[in-house]
C-alpha cells in the first residue's frame, strides 16, 4: 500500500494565518495550473504531489537565499530596473499598436492584448 502524501509545511517565520494563506494559494495554483489538465490524463496523484513538493522546496530554498541578502539592494539594483524595462516595453508596444499619441480609438479586446504583447 502506498503512503499518503503529506504536504511539507513551509517555514516562513511568520504567523500561522499567513502560512495558511500561502498554503491555500499553493493549492489554488496546483488546482488551476496542474490538476486542471492532468486530471484528464490520469487520476494518479503522484505527479501533482511531486509538483507541490518541488514548488514548496523551491520556495524554501529561495527564502533561505533571500535571508542572507540585502533586500533593499535587491529591490533597487535588480527588481526596479526589470520593472522599468517591462513598463517601457509595454508602453512602446502599446504606442506602436494604438499610434504615437495613444489616442487611436481601438476597441479593448483579446486581439488588442495579443497585438500589444507581440
Protein backbone atom coordinates (compact mmCIF):
# COMPACT_ATOMS: atom_id res chain seq x y z
CA UNK A 1 0.00 0.00 0.00
CA UNK A 2 1.27 3.46 -0.90
CA UNK A 3 1.99 6.05 1.69
CA UNK A 4 -0.28 9.11 1.68
CA UNK A 5 1.30 12.39 0.61
CA UNK A 6 1.82 14.88 3.41
CA UNK A 7 2.42 18.46 2.38
CA UNK A 8 5.58 19.93 3.81
CA UNK A 9 4.65 22.93 5.90
CA UNK A 10 6.58 25.97 4.74
CA UNK A 11 8.77 27.59 7.36
CA UNK A 12 8.34 31.27 6.57
CA UNK A 13 8.92 32.64 10.04
CA UNK A 14 5.52 34.30 10.11
CA UNK A 15 2.09 33.84 11.66
CA UNK A 16 0.01 30.68 11.16
CA UNK A 17 -2.59 32.79 9.33
CA UNK A 18 -0.01 33.78 6.72
CA UNK A 19 1.14 30.17 6.41
CA UNK A 20 -2.46 29.05 5.90
CA UNK A 21 -2.93 31.73 3.23
CA UNK A 22 0.25 30.66 1.41
CA UNK A 23 -0.83 27.00 1.59
CA UNK A 24 -4.22 27.96 0.20
CA UNK A 25 -2.59 29.91 -2.62
CA UNK A 26 -0.35 26.97 -3.49
CA UNK A 27 -3.40 24.69 -3.50
CA UNK A 28 -5.17 27.03 -5.94
CA UNK A 29 -2.11 27.24 -8.19
CA UNK A 30 -1.82 23.45 -8.24
CA UNK A 31 -5.54 23.08 -8.94
CA UNK A 32 -5.67 25.65 -11.75
CA UNK A 33 -2.32 25.07 -13.46
CA UNK A 34 -1.62 21.36 -12.93
CA UNK A 35 -4.70 19.37 -11.93
CA UNK A 36 -6.90 21.18 -14.47
CA UNK A 37 -5.15 19.37 -17.33
CA UNK A 38 -3.50 16.44 -15.55
CA UNK A 39 -6.81 15.06 -14.26
CA UNK A 40 -7.74 14.35 -17.91
CA UNK A 41 -4.60 12.24 -18.29
CA UNK A 42 -4.55 10.28 -15.05
CA UNK A 43 -6.16 10.05 -11.64
CA UNK A 44 -2.86 9.02 -10.07
CA UNK A 45 -1.90 11.81 -7.64
CA UNK A 46 1.85 11.18 -7.77
CA UNK A 47 2.61 13.87 -10.38
CA UNK A 48 0.60 16.70 -8.74
CA UNK A 49 2.07 15.72 -5.38
CA UNK A 50 5.60 15.90 -6.77
CA UNK A 51 4.87 19.30 -8.34
CA UNK A 52 3.60 20.50 -4.96
CA UNK A 53 6.71 19.13 -3.25
CA UNK A 54 9.02 20.76 -5.83
CA UNK A 55 7.30 24.16 -5.56
CA UNK A 56 7.48 24.08 -1.77
CA UNK A 57 11.16 23.12 -1.89
CA UNK A 58 11.88 25.93 -4.39
CA UNK A 59 10.11 28.47 -2.17
CA UNK A 60 12.05 27.26 0.86
CA UNK A 61 15.39 27.49 -0.98
CA UNK A 62 14.54 30.94 -2.35
CA UNK A 63 13.62 32.24 1.09
CA UNK A 64 16.78 30.75 2.62
CA UNK A 65 18.82 32.53 -0.02
CA UNK A 66 16.98 35.83 0.46
CA UNK A 67 17.51 35.76 4.23
CA UNK A 68 21.23 36.31 3.62
CA UNK A 69 20.79 39.16 1.16
CA UNK A 70 20.18 42.88 1.50
CA UNK A 71 16.54 43.10 0.34
CA UNK A 72 16.72 46.86 -0.27
CA UNK A 73 19.73 46.34 -2.54
CA UNK A 74 17.98 43.57 -4.48
CA UNK A 75 14.87 45.70 -5.00
CA UNK A 76 16.74 48.83 -6.06
CA UNK A 77 19.50 47.28 -8.14
CA UNK A 78 17.69 44.33 -9.74
CA UNK A 79 13.90 44.48 -9.42
CA UNK A 80 13.28 48.16 -10.20
CA UNK A 81 15.32 48.07 -13.46
CA UNK A 82 13.45 44.93 -14.59
CA UNK A 83 10.06 46.52 -13.88
CA UNK A 84 11.11 49.78 -15.53
CA UNK A 85 12.20 47.93 -18.68
CA UNK A 86 8.95 45.95 -18.70
CA UNK A 87 6.79 49.08 -18.42
CA UNK A 88 8.86 50.83 -21.11
CA UNK A 89 8.50 47.84 -23.46
CA UNK A 90 4.75 47.71 -22.80
CA UNK A 91 4.41 51.45 -23.45
CA UNK A 92 6.39 51.15 -26.70
CA UNK A 93 4.29 48.16 -27.83
CA UNK A 94 1.05 49.93 -26.99
CA UNK A 95 2.23 53.07 -28.80
CA UNK A 96 3.06 51.05 -31.93
CA UNK A 97 -0.41 49.47 -31.94
CA UNK A 98 -2.50 52.49 -30.94
CA UNK A 99 -0.46 55.25 -32.55
CA UNK A 100 2.09 57.81 -31.42
CA UNK A 101 -0.22 59.79 -29.15
CA UNK A 102 -2.05 56.71 -27.84
CA UNK A 103 -5.34 58.29 -28.86
CA UNK A 104 -6.29 56.00 -31.71
CA UNK A 105 -9.65 54.52 -30.82
CA UNK A 106 -9.05 50.81 -30.67
CA UNK A 107 -11.63 48.61 -29.01
CA UNK A 108 -10.25 46.77 -26.00
CA UNK A 109 -10.12 43.10 -26.87
CA UNK A 110 -8.09 39.95 -26.62
CA UNK A 111 -6.77 40.67 -30.14
CA UNK A 112 -5.51 44.07 -28.99
CA UNK A 113 -3.83 42.48 -25.98
CA UNK A 114 -2.15 39.93 -28.25
CA UNK A 115 -1.01 42.66 -30.65
CA UNK A 116 0.50 44.67 -27.81
CA UNK A 117 2.07 41.54 -26.33
CA UNK A 118 3.76 40.57 -29.59
